[in-house]
Amino acid sequence: MGDLNLIIGLIILIIAVAIIEIRDFRIVTVLLGILGAFFIIGAFLEGTFMEIIPLAIYAIVLVPIAIFITTVHTKQSEEPPLMHPVFSIGLLFVFGIITYVISFNVLGVGGIEWVLIMIGVFGLLTKTDLRKSVASLSILICSIHLLIPGFDIMIEAMLMFFSSILILVLLVFAQRVFVLKGTMSTKDLKDLRY
């Protein structure tokens, strides 16, 4: 069972990094759904069943479909990121190792949750495309969910509902920025002011 959890954890980390770094959003939406499925498989292996249903709907269905619909109505490729992808992947690798070592030695936790949180925050800080920000936020929300398990199904449903509203509002902003400026860049959000 431990080897299977390690393999699933490594797959989740690889998919999360790919979501942050791949520029074609058709692939990103598929990877988001696959990442959600691996989150659910990992939760089932940990013995969580009913409580995971809201996360499953959020991670496997809602976020990938919402980003896909936004991509169909805007453009398929990502806005230019702040740094070159090779440098970005290298930084993710280094930060991932540092985060894992700190979480293991300081917090006594040897899971991937803190590394996933770091990947989500890294994506939020270094990517300029609003859809990539939504994907990073989704990774962050799912990893926080893994870090703090055991909520009642009603609390889970409420948390995923409010997270879904946040995601959808960000995607509406992305659509409006694209209509106004022809871009999906976070740099152009200031043009939405009244």
N, C-alpha and C. Protein backbone atom coordinates (compact mmCIF):
# COMPACT_ATOMS: atom_id res chain seq x y z
N MET A 1 0.82 -1.19 0.00
CA MET A 1 0.00 0.00 0.00
C MET A 1 0.87 1.26 0.00
N GLY A 2 1.99 1.23 0.73
CA GLY A 2 2.88 2.38 0.79
C GLY A 2 3.51 2.70 -0.55
N ASP A 3 3.90 1.64 -1.32
CA ASP A 3 4.48 1.86 -2.64
C ASP A 3 3.47 2.47 -3.59
N LEU A 4 2.22 2.03 -3.51
CA LEU A 4 1.17 2.57 -4.37
C LEU A 4 0.92 4.04 -4.05
N ASN A 5 0.90 4.39 -2.79
CA ASN A 5 0.74 5.81 -2.41
C ASN A 5 1.90 6.65 -2.92
N LEU A 6 3.12 6.12 -2.86
CA LEU A 6 4.29 6.84 -3.36
C LEU A 6 4.18 7.04 -4.87
N ILE A 7 3.78 6.01 -5.59
CA ILE A 7 3.64 6.11 -7.04
C ILE A 7 2.56 7.13 -7.40
N ILE A 8 1.41 7.07 -6.72
CA ILE A 8 0.33 8.02 -6.99
C ILE A 8 0.79 9.44 -6.66
N GLY A 9 1.51 9.59 -5.56
CA GLY A 9 2.04 10.91 -5.19
C GLY A 9 2.98 11.48 -6.24
N LEU A 10 3.88 10.65 -6.75
CA LEU A 10 4.80 11.11 -7.80
C LEU A 10 4.05 11.47 -9.08
N ILE A 11 3.04 10.67 -9.44
CA ILE A 11 2.24 10.97 -10.63
C ILE A 11 1.52 12.30 -10.45
N ILE A 12 0.94 12.52 -9.26
CA ILE A 12 0.26 13.78 -8.98
C ILE A 12 1.22 14.96 -9.11
N LEU A 13 2.44 14.83 -8.58
CA LEU A 13 3.41 15.92 -8.68
C LEU A 13 3.80 16.20 -10.13
N ILE A 14 4.02 15.15 -10.91
CA ILE A 14 4.39 15.33 -12.32
C ILE A 14 3.26 16.00 -13.09
N ILE A 15 2.03 15.57 -12.86
CA ILE A 15 0.89 16.17 -13.55
C ILE A 15 0.72 17.63 -13.12
N ALA A 16 0.89 17.93 -11.84
CA ALA A 16 0.76 19.31 -11.36
C ALA A 16 1.79 20.22 -12.01
N VAL A 17 3.03 19.76 -12.12
CA VAL A 17 4.07 20.55 -12.78
C VAL A 17 3.73 20.71 -14.26
N ALA A 18 3.23 19.66 -14.90
CA ALA A 18 2.86 19.76 -16.31
C ALA A 18 1.73 20.77 -16.51
N ILE A 19 0.77 20.79 -15.60
CA ILE A 19 -0.33 21.75 -15.70
C ILE A 19 0.21 23.18 -15.63
N ILE A 20 1.17 23.40 -14.76
CA ILE A 20 1.75 24.74 -14.61
C ILE A 20 2.56 25.12 -15.85
N GLU A 21 3.24 24.17 -16.47
CA GLU A 21 4.20 24.51 -17.52
C GLU A 21 3.72 24.34 -18.96
N ILE A 22 2.73 23.50 -19.21
CA ILE A 22 2.27 23.30 -20.60
C ILE A 22 1.46 24.50 -21.04
N ARG A 23 1.70 24.96 -22.25
CA ARG A 23 1.06 26.20 -22.73
C ARG A 23 -0.24 25.96 -23.48
N ASP A 24 -0.50 24.76 -23.96
CA ASP A 24 -1.72 24.46 -24.71
C ASP A 24 -2.83 24.08 -23.73
N PHE A 25 -3.89 24.87 -23.69
CA PHE A 25 -4.93 24.65 -22.70
C PHE A 25 -5.83 23.46 -23.00
N ARG A 26 -5.81 22.95 -24.21
CA ARG A 26 -6.54 21.70 -24.46
C ARG A 26 -5.91 20.57 -23.66
N ILE A 27 -4.59 20.55 -23.61
CA ILE A 27 -3.88 19.53 -22.83
C ILE A 27 -4.03 19.81 -21.33
N VAL A 28 -3.97 21.08 -20.95
CA VAL A 28 -4.08 21.45 -19.53
C VAL A 28 -5.42 21.00 -18.96
N THR A 29 -6.51 21.18 -19.72
CA THR A 29 -7.82 20.79 -19.19
C THR A 29 -7.92 19.28 -19.00
N VAL A 30 -7.34 18.52 -19.92
CA VAL A 30 -7.33 17.06 -19.76
C VAL A 30 -6.50 16.67 -18.54
N LEU A 31 -5.34 17.31 -18.38
CA LEU A 31 -4.48 17.01 -17.23
C LEU A 31 -5.14 17.40 -15.91
N LEU A 32 -5.92 18.47 -15.90
CA LEU A 32 -6.64 18.85 -14.68
C LEU A 32 -7.64 17.77 -14.28
N GLY A 33 -8.37 17.22 -15.25
CA GLY A 33 -9.29 16.13 -14.96
C GLY A 33 -8.58 14.88 -14.46
N ILE A 34 -7.45 14.56 -15.09
CA ILE A 34 -6.66 13.40 -14.66
C ILE A 34 -6.11 13.63 -13.25
N LEU A 35 -5.63 14.86 -12.97
CA LEU A 35 -5.13 15.17 -11.64
C LEU A 35 -6.23 15.01 -10.60
N GLY A 36 -7.44 15.49 -10.92
CA GLY A 36 -8.57 15.31 -10.01
C GLY A 36 -8.86 13.85 -9.76
N ALA A 37 -8.77 13.03 -10.81
CA ALA A 37 -9.01 11.59 -10.64
C ALA A 37 -7.97 10.96 -9.73
N PHE A 38 -6.71 11.37 -9.86
CA PHE A 38 -5.67 10.83 -8.98
C PHE A 38 -5.85 11.31 -7.54
N PHE A 39 -6.32 12.55 -7.35
CA PHE A 39 -6.66 13.00 -6.00
C PHE A 39 -7.71 12.09 -5.38
N ILE A 40 -8.71 11.75 -6.17
CA ILE A 40 -9.81 10.91 -5.66
C ILE A 40 -9.31 9.50 -5.37
N ILE A 41 -8.49 8.95 -6.26
CA ILE A 41 -7.93 7.61 -6.03
C ILE A 41 -7.11 7.61 -4.74
N GLY A 42 -6.30 8.65 -4.55
CA GLY A 42 -5.51 8.74 -3.32
C GLY A 42 -6.39 8.84 -2.09
N ALA A 43 -7.49 9.57 -2.19
CA ALA A 43 -8.40 9.67 -1.04
C ALA A 43 -9.07 8.34 -0.76
N PHE A 44 -9.44 7.61 -1.80
CA PHE A 44 -10.03 6.29 -1.59
C PHE A 44 -9.05 5.34 -0.92
N LEU A 45 -7.78 5.42 -1.32
CA LEU A 45 -6.77 4.57 -0.70
C LEU A 45 -6.55 4.92 0.77
N GLU A 46 -6.80 6.18 1.11
CA GLU A 46 -6.67 6.61 2.51
C GLU A 46 -7.91 6.27 3.33
N GLY A 47 -8.98 5.78 2.67
CA GLY A 47 -10.18 5.39 3.39
C GLY A 47 -11.27 6.45 3.44
N THR A 48 -11.16 7.49 2.63
CA THR A 48 -12.17 8.53 2.59
C THR A 48 -13.10 8.23 1.42
N PHE A 49 -14.42 8.19 1.67
CA PHE A 49 -15.34 7.83 0.60
C PHE A 49 -16.37 8.91 0.34
N MET A 50 -17.39 9.03 1.16
CA MET A 50 -18.48 9.97 0.93
C MET A 50 -18.03 11.42 0.97
N GLU A 51 -17.10 11.75 1.85
CA GLU A 51 -16.67 13.13 2.01
C GLU A 51 -15.96 13.67 0.78
N ILE A 52 -15.50 12.78 -0.09
CA ILE A 52 -14.70 13.18 -1.23
C ILE A 52 -15.55 13.54 -2.46
N ILE A 53 -16.85 13.28 -2.41
CA ILE A 53 -17.72 13.53 -3.56
C ILE A 53 -17.68 14.99 -4.02
N PRO A 54 -17.80 15.99 -3.12
CA PRO A 54 -17.72 17.39 -3.61
C PRO A 54 -16.38 17.71 -4.27
N LEU A 55 -15.28 17.20 -3.72
CA LEU A 55 -13.97 17.43 -4.33
C LEU A 55 -13.91 16.77 -5.70
N ALA A 56 -14.49 15.59 -5.83
CA ALA A 56 -14.48 14.89 -7.12
C ALA A 56 -15.21 15.70 -8.18
N ILE A 57 -16.38 16.22 -7.83
CA ILE A 57 -17.14 17.03 -8.79
C ILE A 57 -16.35 18.28 -9.16
N TYR A 58 -15.75 18.90 -8.17
CA TYR A 58 -14.98 20.13 -8.39
C TYR A 58 -13.74 19.86 -9.25
N ALA A 59 -12.94 18.87 -8.87
CA ALA A 59 -11.63 18.66 -9.49
C ALA A 59 -11.71 17.93 -10.83
N ILE A 60 -12.65 16.99 -10.96
CA ILE A 60 -12.70 16.20 -12.19
C ILE A 60 -13.61 16.83 -13.23
N VAL A 61 -14.67 17.49 -12.79
CA VAL A 61 -15.68 17.98 -13.73
C VAL A 61 -15.65 19.50 -13.87
N LEU A 62 -15.90 20.21 -12.79
CA LEU A 62 -16.17 21.65 -12.88
C LEU A 62 -14.98 22.45 -13.41
N VAL A 63 -13.84 22.35 -12.78
CA VAL A 63 -12.69 23.18 -13.17
C VAL A 63 -12.22 22.86 -14.60
N PRO A 64 -12.01 21.59 -14.96
CA PRO A 64 -11.57 21.34 -16.35
C PRO A 64 -12.58 21.82 -17.39
N ILE A 65 -13.87 21.60 -17.15
CA ILE A 65 -14.88 22.01 -18.12
C ILE A 65 -14.96 23.54 -18.19
N ALA A 66 -14.89 24.22 -17.06
CA ALA A 66 -14.95 25.68 -17.05
C ALA A 66 -13.76 26.28 -17.81
N ILE A 67 -12.57 25.75 -17.58
CA ILE A 67 -11.40 26.26 -18.30
C ILE A 67 -11.49 25.91 -19.78
N PHE A 68 -11.99 24.71 -20.09
CA PHE A 68 -12.14 24.32 -21.50
C PHE A 68 -13.11 25.25 -22.22
N ILE A 69 -14.26 25.54 -21.61
CA ILE A 69 -15.24 26.43 -22.24
C ILE A 69 -14.65 27.82 -22.44
N THR A 70 -13.92 28.32 -21.45
CA THR A 70 -13.27 29.62 -21.60
C THR A 70 -12.24 29.58 -22.73
N THR A 71 -11.51 28.50 -22.84
CA THR A 71 -10.49 28.36 -23.89
C THR A 71 -11.14 28.32 -25.27
N VAL A 72 -12.26 27.61 -25.40
CA VAL A 72 -12.94 27.52 -26.70
C VAL A 72 -13.38 28.91 -27.15
N HIS A 73 -13.81 29.75 -26.21
CA HIS A 73 -14.32 31.07 -26.56
C HIS A 73 -13.25 32.15 -26.59
N THR A 74 -12.02 31.80 -26.27
CA THR A 74 -10.95 32.80 -26.29
C THR A 74 -9.81 32.31 -27.18
N LYS A 75 -8.78 31.75 -26.61
CA LYS A 75 -7.66 31.23 -27.39
C LYS A 75 -7.07 30.02 -26.69
N GLN A 76 -6.35 29.20 -27.45
CA GLN A 76 -5.89 27.91 -26.93
C GLN A 76 -4.56 27.99 -26.21
N SER A 77 -3.74 28.96 -26.53
CA SER A 77 -2.41 28.98 -25.93
C SER A 77 -2.33 29.98 -24.79
N GLU A 78 -1.34 29.78 -23.96
CA GLU A 78 -1.13 30.60 -22.77
C GLU A 78 -0.45 31.91 -23.13
N GLU A 79 -0.73 32.93 -22.34
CA GLU A 79 0.01 34.19 -22.44
C GLU A 79 1.46 33.93 -22.05
N PRO A 80 2.39 34.73 -22.55
CA PRO A 80 3.80 34.51 -22.19
C PRO A 80 4.01 34.60 -20.67
N PRO A 81 4.65 33.57 -20.09
CA PRO A 81 4.91 33.58 -18.65
C PRO A 81 6.04 34.55 -18.30
N LEU A 82 6.26 34.75 -17.02
CA LEU A 82 7.31 35.66 -16.57
C LEU A 82 8.71 35.11 -16.79
N MET A 83 8.84 33.79 -16.83
CA MET A 83 10.17 33.20 -17.01
C MET A 83 10.12 32.04 -18.01
N HIS A 84 11.27 31.72 -18.57
CA HIS A 84 11.38 30.64 -19.55
C HIS A 84 10.98 29.31 -18.89
N PRO A 85 10.27 28.43 -19.63
CA PRO A 85 9.81 27.16 -19.03
C PRO A 85 10.91 26.29 -18.45
N VAL A 86 12.08 26.24 -19.06
CA VAL A 86 13.16 25.40 -18.53
C VAL A 86 13.61 25.93 -17.17
N PHE A 87 13.76 27.24 -17.06
CA PHE A 87 14.14 27.86 -15.79
C PHE A 87 13.03 27.64 -14.76
N SER A 88 11.78 27.77 -15.20
CA SER A 88 10.64 27.58 -14.31
C SER A 88 10.57 26.15 -13.76
N ILE A 89 10.79 25.16 -14.62
CA ILE A 89 10.77 23.76 -14.18
C ILE A 89 11.93 23.51 -13.21
N GLY A 90 13.09 24.08 -13.50
CA GLY A 90 14.23 23.94 -12.59
C GLY A 90 13.93 24.53 -11.22
N LEU A 91 13.33 25.71 -11.20
CA LEU A 91 12.95 26.32 -9.92
C LEU A 91 11.91 25.48 -9.19
N LEU A 92 10.93 24.97 -9.92
CA LEU A 92 9.93 24.10 -9.30
C LEU A 92 10.58 22.87 -8.67
N PHE A 93 11.54 22.28 -9.37
CA PHE A 93 12.23 21.11 -8.85
C PHE A 93 12.99 21.45 -7.57
N VAL A 94 13.75 22.55 -7.60
CA VAL A 94 14.52 22.95 -6.42
C VAL A 94 13.60 23.31 -5.26
N PHE A 95 12.57 24.12 -5.53
CA PHE A 95 11.62 24.50 -4.48
C PHE A 95 10.87 23.29 -3.94
N GLY A 96 10.57 22.32 -4.83
CA GLY A 96 9.88 21.11 -4.40
C GLY A 96 10.73 20.30 -3.43
N ILE A 97 12.00 20.15 -3.73
CA ILE A 97 12.90 19.41 -2.83
C ILE A 97 13.03 20.15 -1.50
N ILE A 98 13.23 21.48 -1.57
CA ILE A 98 13.36 22.26 -0.33
C ILE A 98 12.08 22.17 0.50
N THR A 99 10.92 22.28 -0.14
CA THR A 99 9.64 22.20 0.57
C THR A 99 9.46 20.84 1.21
N TYR A 100 9.81 19.77 0.48
CA TYR A 100 9.66 18.43 1.03
C TYR A 100 10.58 18.23 2.24
N VAL A 101 11.82 18.67 2.11
CA VAL A 101 12.78 18.51 3.21
C VAL A 101 12.32 19.29 4.44
N ILE A 102 11.86 20.52 4.24
CA ILE A 102 11.38 21.32 5.37
C ILE A 102 10.15 20.69 5.99
N SER A 103 9.19 20.25 5.17
CA SER A 103 7.97 19.64 5.73
C SER A 103 8.29 18.35 6.48
N PHE A 104 9.26 17.60 5.99
CA PHE A 104 9.62 16.35 6.64
C PHE A 104 10.39 16.59 7.94
N ASN A 105 11.37 17.49 7.89
CA ASN A 105 12.22 17.71 9.06
C ASN A 105 11.61 18.64 10.11
N VAL A 106 10.88 19.66 9.69
CA VAL A 106 10.32 20.62 10.64
C VAL A 106 8.95 20.19 11.11
N LEU A 107 8.08 19.83 10.16
CA LEU A 107 6.71 19.48 10.51
C LEU A 107 6.51 17.99 10.79
N GLY A 108 7.48 17.19 10.39
CA GLY A 108 7.35 15.75 10.60
C GLY A 108 6.37 15.08 9.66
N VAL A 109 6.05 15.74 8.56
CA VAL A 109 5.09 15.21 7.58
C VAL A 109 5.85 14.91 6.30
N GLY A 110 5.71 13.69 5.80
CA GLY A 110 6.45 13.30 4.61
C GLY A 110 5.60 13.16 3.36
N GLY A 111 4.44 13.79 3.32
CA GLY A 111 3.56 13.69 2.16
C GLY A 111 3.87 14.73 1.10
N ILE A 112 3.05 14.72 0.06
CA ILE A 112 3.25 15.64 -1.06
C ILE A 112 2.43 16.92 -0.92
N GLU A 113 1.62 17.02 0.12
CA GLU A 113 0.68 18.13 0.23
C GLU A 113 1.38 19.48 0.20
N TRP A 114 2.45 19.64 0.96
CA TRP A 114 3.15 20.92 1.02
C TRP A 114 3.82 21.24 -0.31
N VAL A 115 4.32 20.22 -1.00
CA VAL A 115 4.93 20.44 -2.32
C VAL A 115 3.86 20.89 -3.30
N LEU A 116 2.66 20.29 -3.25
CA LEU A 116 1.57 20.71 -4.12
C LEU A 116 1.14 22.14 -3.83
N ILE A 117 1.10 22.50 -2.55
CA ILE A 117 0.77 23.89 -2.19
C ILE A 117 1.82 24.84 -2.79
N MET A 118 3.09 24.46 -2.69
CA MET A 118 4.15 25.29 -3.27
C MET A 118 3.98 25.40 -4.78
N ILE A 119 3.61 24.32 -5.46
CA ILE A 119 3.41 24.35 -6.91
C ILE A 119 2.25 25.29 -7.26
N GLY A 120 1.16 25.21 -6.50
CA GLY A 120 0.03 26.10 -6.75
C GLY A 120 0.39 27.56 -6.55
N VAL A 121 1.10 27.87 -5.48
CA VAL A 121 1.52 29.25 -5.22
C VAL A 121 2.51 29.72 -6.29
N PHE A 122 3.41 28.84 -6.69
CA PHE A 122 4.38 29.17 -7.75
C PHE A 122 3.65 29.53 -9.04
N GLY A 123 2.64 28.73 -9.39
CA GLY A 123 1.86 29.03 -10.59
C GLY A 123 1.13 30.35 -10.50
N LEU A 124 0.58 30.64 -9.32
CA LEU A 124 -0.12 31.92 -9.14
C LEU A 124 0.82 33.11 -9.28
N LEU A 125 2.06 32.94 -8.83
CA LEU A 125 3.01 34.06 -8.83
C LEU A 125 3.73 34.25 -10.17
N THR A 126 3.96 33.18 -10.91
CA THR A 126 4.81 33.29 -12.09
C THR A 126 4.08 33.24 -13.43
N LYS A 127 2.83 32.87 -13.45
CA LYS A 127 2.08 32.77 -14.70
C LYS A 127 1.20 34.00 -14.87
N THR A 128 1.14 34.53 -16.08
CA THR A 128 0.37 35.74 -16.32
C THR A 128 -0.98 35.46 -16.95
N ASP A 129 -1.23 34.25 -17.42
CA ASP A 129 -2.51 33.91 -18.02
C ASP A 129 -3.54 33.67 -16.92
N LEU A 130 -4.71 34.27 -17.04
CA LEU A 130 -5.75 34.12 -16.01
C LEU A 130 -6.22 32.67 -15.88
N ARG A 131 -6.27 31.95 -16.98
CA ARG A 131 -6.67 30.54 -16.90
C ARG A 131 -5.63 29.72 -16.16
N LYS A 132 -4.36 30.06 -16.34
CA LYS A 132 -3.29 29.36 -15.61
C LYS A 132 -3.38 29.69 -14.13
N SER A 133 -3.79 30.92 -13.81
CA SER A 133 -4.01 31.29 -12.41
C SER A 133 -5.14 30.45 -11.81
N VAL A 134 -6.19 30.23 -12.59
CA VAL A 134 -7.30 29.39 -12.13
C VAL A 134 -6.84 27.96 -11.93
N ALA A 135 -6.05 27.42 -12.86
CA ALA A 135 -5.52 26.06 -12.71
C ALA A 135 -4.62 25.96 -11.48
N SER A 136 -3.78 26.97 -11.25
CA SER A 136 -2.92 26.98 -10.07
C SER A 136 -3.73 27.05 -8.79
N LEU A 137 -4.77 27.87 -8.80
CA LEU A 137 -5.64 27.99 -7.64
C LEU A 137 -6.36 26.67 -7.37
N SER A 138 -6.74 25.98 -8.42
CA SER A 138 -7.39 24.68 -8.27
C SER A 138 -6.45 23.66 -7.64
N ILE A 139 -5.20 23.64 -8.08
CA ILE A 139 -4.19 22.76 -7.48
C ILE A 139 -4.02 23.11 -6.01
N LEU A 140 -3.96 24.39 -5.72
CA LEU A 140 -3.81 24.86 -4.34
C LEU A 140 -4.99 24.43 -3.48
N ILE A 141 -6.20 24.58 -3.98
CA ILE A 141 -7.40 24.20 -3.22
C ILE A 141 -7.43 22.70 -2.96
N CYS A 142 -7.12 21.91 -3.98
CA CYS A 142 -7.13 20.45 -3.81
C CYS A 142 -6.04 20.00 -2.85
N SER A 143 -4.87 20.63 -2.91
CA SER A 143 -3.79 20.21 -2.01
C SER A 143 -4.07 20.63 -0.57
N ILE A 144 -4.71 21.77 -0.38
CA ILE A 144 -5.11 22.14 0.98
C ILE A 144 -6.16 21.16 1.49
N HIS A 145 -7.02 20.71 0.60
CA HIS A 145 -8.02 19.70 0.96
C HIS A 145 -7.34 18.40 1.41
N LEU A 146 -6.24 18.04 0.74
CA LEU A 146 -5.50 16.85 1.14
C LEU A 146 -4.80 17.05 2.49
N LEU A 147 -4.35 18.28 2.72
CA LEU A 147 -3.62 18.58 3.95
C LEU A 147 -4.54 18.55 5.17
N ILE A 148 -5.78 18.97 5.00
CA ILE A 148 -6.73 19.02 6.12
C ILE A 148 -7.93 18.14 5.78
N PRO A 149 -7.79 16.83 5.88
CA PRO A 149 -8.90 15.93 5.53
C PRO A 149 -9.89 15.79 6.69
N GLY A 150 -10.99 15.12 6.41
CA GLY A 150 -11.89 14.72 7.47
C GLY A 150 -13.04 15.64 7.76
N PHE A 151 -13.35 16.59 6.85
CA PHE A 151 -14.52 17.42 7.06
C PHE A 151 -15.79 16.62 6.82
N ASP A 152 -16.88 17.06 7.39
CA ASP A 152 -18.19 16.50 7.12
C ASP A 152 -18.55 16.78 5.66
N ILE A 153 -19.38 15.95 5.05
CA ILE A 153 -19.71 16.11 3.64
C ILE A 153 -20.40 17.45 3.36
N MET A 154 -21.17 17.97 4.29
CA MET A 154 -21.83 19.26 4.09
C MET A 154 -20.81 20.41 4.09
N ILE A 155 -19.84 20.32 4.98
CA ILE A 155 -18.78 21.35 5.01
C ILE A 155 -17.96 21.26 3.73
N GLU A 156 -17.66 20.03 3.30
CA GLU A 156 -16.93 19.83 2.04
C GLU A 156 -17.70 20.45 0.88
N ALA A 157 -18.99 20.20 0.83
CA ALA A 157 -19.82 20.73 -0.26
C ALA A 157 -19.81 22.26 -0.26
N MET A 158 -19.90 22.85 0.92
CA MET A 158 -19.87 24.32 1.01
C MET A 158 -18.52 24.88 0.58
N LEU A 159 -17.42 24.25 1.02
CA LEU A 159 -16.09 24.71 0.63
C LEU A 159 -15.88 24.61 -0.88
N MET A 160 -16.31 23.51 -1.47
CA MET A 160 -16.16 23.34 -2.91
C MET A 160 -17.09 24.28 -3.68
N PHE A 161 -18.27 24.57 -3.13
CA PHE A 161 -19.20 25.50 -3.76
C PHE A 161 -18.58 26.90 -3.82
N PHE A 162 -18.04 27.38 -2.70
CA PHE A 162 -17.43 28.71 -2.69
C PHE A 162 -16.16 28.76 -3.54
N SER A 163 -15.40 27.66 -3.55
CA SER A 163 -14.22 27.59 -4.42
C SER A 163 -14.64 27.64 -5.88
N SER A 164 -15.73 26.96 -6.21
CA SER A 164 -16.24 26.97 -7.58
C SER A 164 -16.68 28.35 -8.01
N ILE A 165 -17.35 29.07 -7.12
CA ILE A 165 -17.77 30.44 -7.44
C ILE A 165 -16.54 31.32 -7.70
N LEU A 166 -15.51 31.19 -6.88
CA LEU A 166 -14.28 31.96 -7.09
C LEU A 166 -13.66 31.64 -8.44
N ILE A 167 -13.59 30.37 -8.78
CA ILE A 167 -13.02 29.95 -10.06
C ILE A 167 -13.84 30.53 -11.22
N LEU A 168 -15.14 30.44 -11.13
CA LEU A 168 -16.00 30.93 -12.22
C LEU A 168 -15.92 32.45 -12.35
N VAL A 169 -15.82 33.17 -11.25
CA VAL A 169 -15.67 34.62 -11.32
C VAL A 169 -14.34 34.98 -12.00
N LEU A 170 -13.28 34.29 -11.67
CA LEU A 170 -11.99 34.55 -12.31
C LEU A 170 -12.05 34.26 -13.81
N LEU A 171 -12.77 33.21 -14.19
CA LEU A 171 -12.88 32.90 -15.62
C LEU A 171 -13.76 33.91 -16.36
N VAL A 172 -14.76 34.46 -15.68
CA VAL A 172 -15.55 35.53 -16.29
C VAL A 172 -14.67 36.77 -16.50
N PHE A 173 -13.83 37.09 -15.52
CA PHE A 173 -12.87 38.18 -15.70
C PHE A 173 -11.96 37.91 -16.89
N ALA A 174 -11.50 36.67 -17.01
CA ALA A 174 -10.63 36.30 -18.13
C ALA A 174 -11.35 36.53 -19.45
N GLN A 175 -12.59 36.14 -19.53
CA GLN A 175 -13.39 36.33 -20.76
C GLN A 175 -13.54 37.82 -21.07
N ARG A 176 -13.81 38.63 -20.05
CA ARG A 176 -13.99 40.07 -20.26
C ARG A 176 -12.68 40.73 -20.70
N VAL A 177 -11.57 40.34 -20.09
CA VAL A 177 -10.28 40.89 -20.50
C VAL A 177 -9.99 40.53 -21.95
N PHE A 178 -10.31 39.30 -22.33
CA PHE A 178 -10.07 38.88 -23.71
C PHE A 178 -10.93 39.68 -24.68
N VAL A 179 -12.18 39.93 -24.34
CA VAL A 179 -13.06 40.71 -25.21
C VAL A 179 -12.54 42.15 -25.34
N LEU A 180 -12.09 42.73 -24.24
CA LEU A 180 -11.62 44.11 -24.26
C LEU A 180 -10.24 44.28 -24.91
N LYS A 181 -9.32 43.39 -24.58
CA LYS A 181 -7.92 43.57 -24.98
C LYS A 181 -7.37 42.52 -25.94
N GLY A 182 -8.10 41.43 -26.14
CA GLY A 182 -7.59 40.36 -26.99
C GLY A 182 -6.50 39.54 -26.33
N THR A 183 -6.41 39.62 -25.01
CA THR A 183 -5.38 38.92 -24.25
C THR A 183 -6.01 38.33 -22.99
N MET A 184 -5.32 37.39 -22.37
CA MET A 184 -5.79 36.77 -21.13
C MET A 184 -4.85 37.09 -19.98
N SER A 185 -4.06 38.13 -20.14
CA SER A 185 -3.00 38.43 -19.19
C SER A 185 -3.55 39.09 -17.92
N THR A 186 -2.95 38.72 -16.79
CA THR A 186 -3.31 39.35 -15.53
C THR A 186 -2.87 40.82 -15.52
N LYS A 187 -1.93 41.16 -16.37
CA LYS A 187 -1.46 42.54 -16.44
C LYS A 187 -2.55 43.49 -16.94
N ASP A 188 -3.55 42.95 -17.65
CA ASP A 188 -4.59 43.79 -18.22
C ASP A 188 -5.86 43.84 -17.37
N LEU A 189 -5.82 43.29 -16.17
CA LEU A 189 -6.98 43.34 -15.29
C LEU A 189 -7.35 44.76 -14.89
N LYS A 190 -6.38 45.64 -14.87
CA LYS A 190 -6.67 47.02 -14.47
C LYS A 190 -7.64 47.70 -15.45
N ASP A 191 -7.73 47.19 -16.68
CA ASP A 191 -8.64 47.77 -17.66
C ASP A 191 -10.10 47.43 -17.38
N LEU A 192 -10.36 46.55 -16.43
CA LEU A 192 -11.76 46.22 -16.08
C LEU A 192 -12.32 47.19 -15.04
N ARG A 193 -11.50 48.13 -14.57
CA ARG A 193 -12.00 49.09 -13.59
C ARG A 193 -13.08 49.96 -14.22
N TYR A 194 -13.97 50.43 -13.38
CA TYR A 194 -15.06 51.29 -13.87
C TYR A 194 -14.62 52.73 -13.92
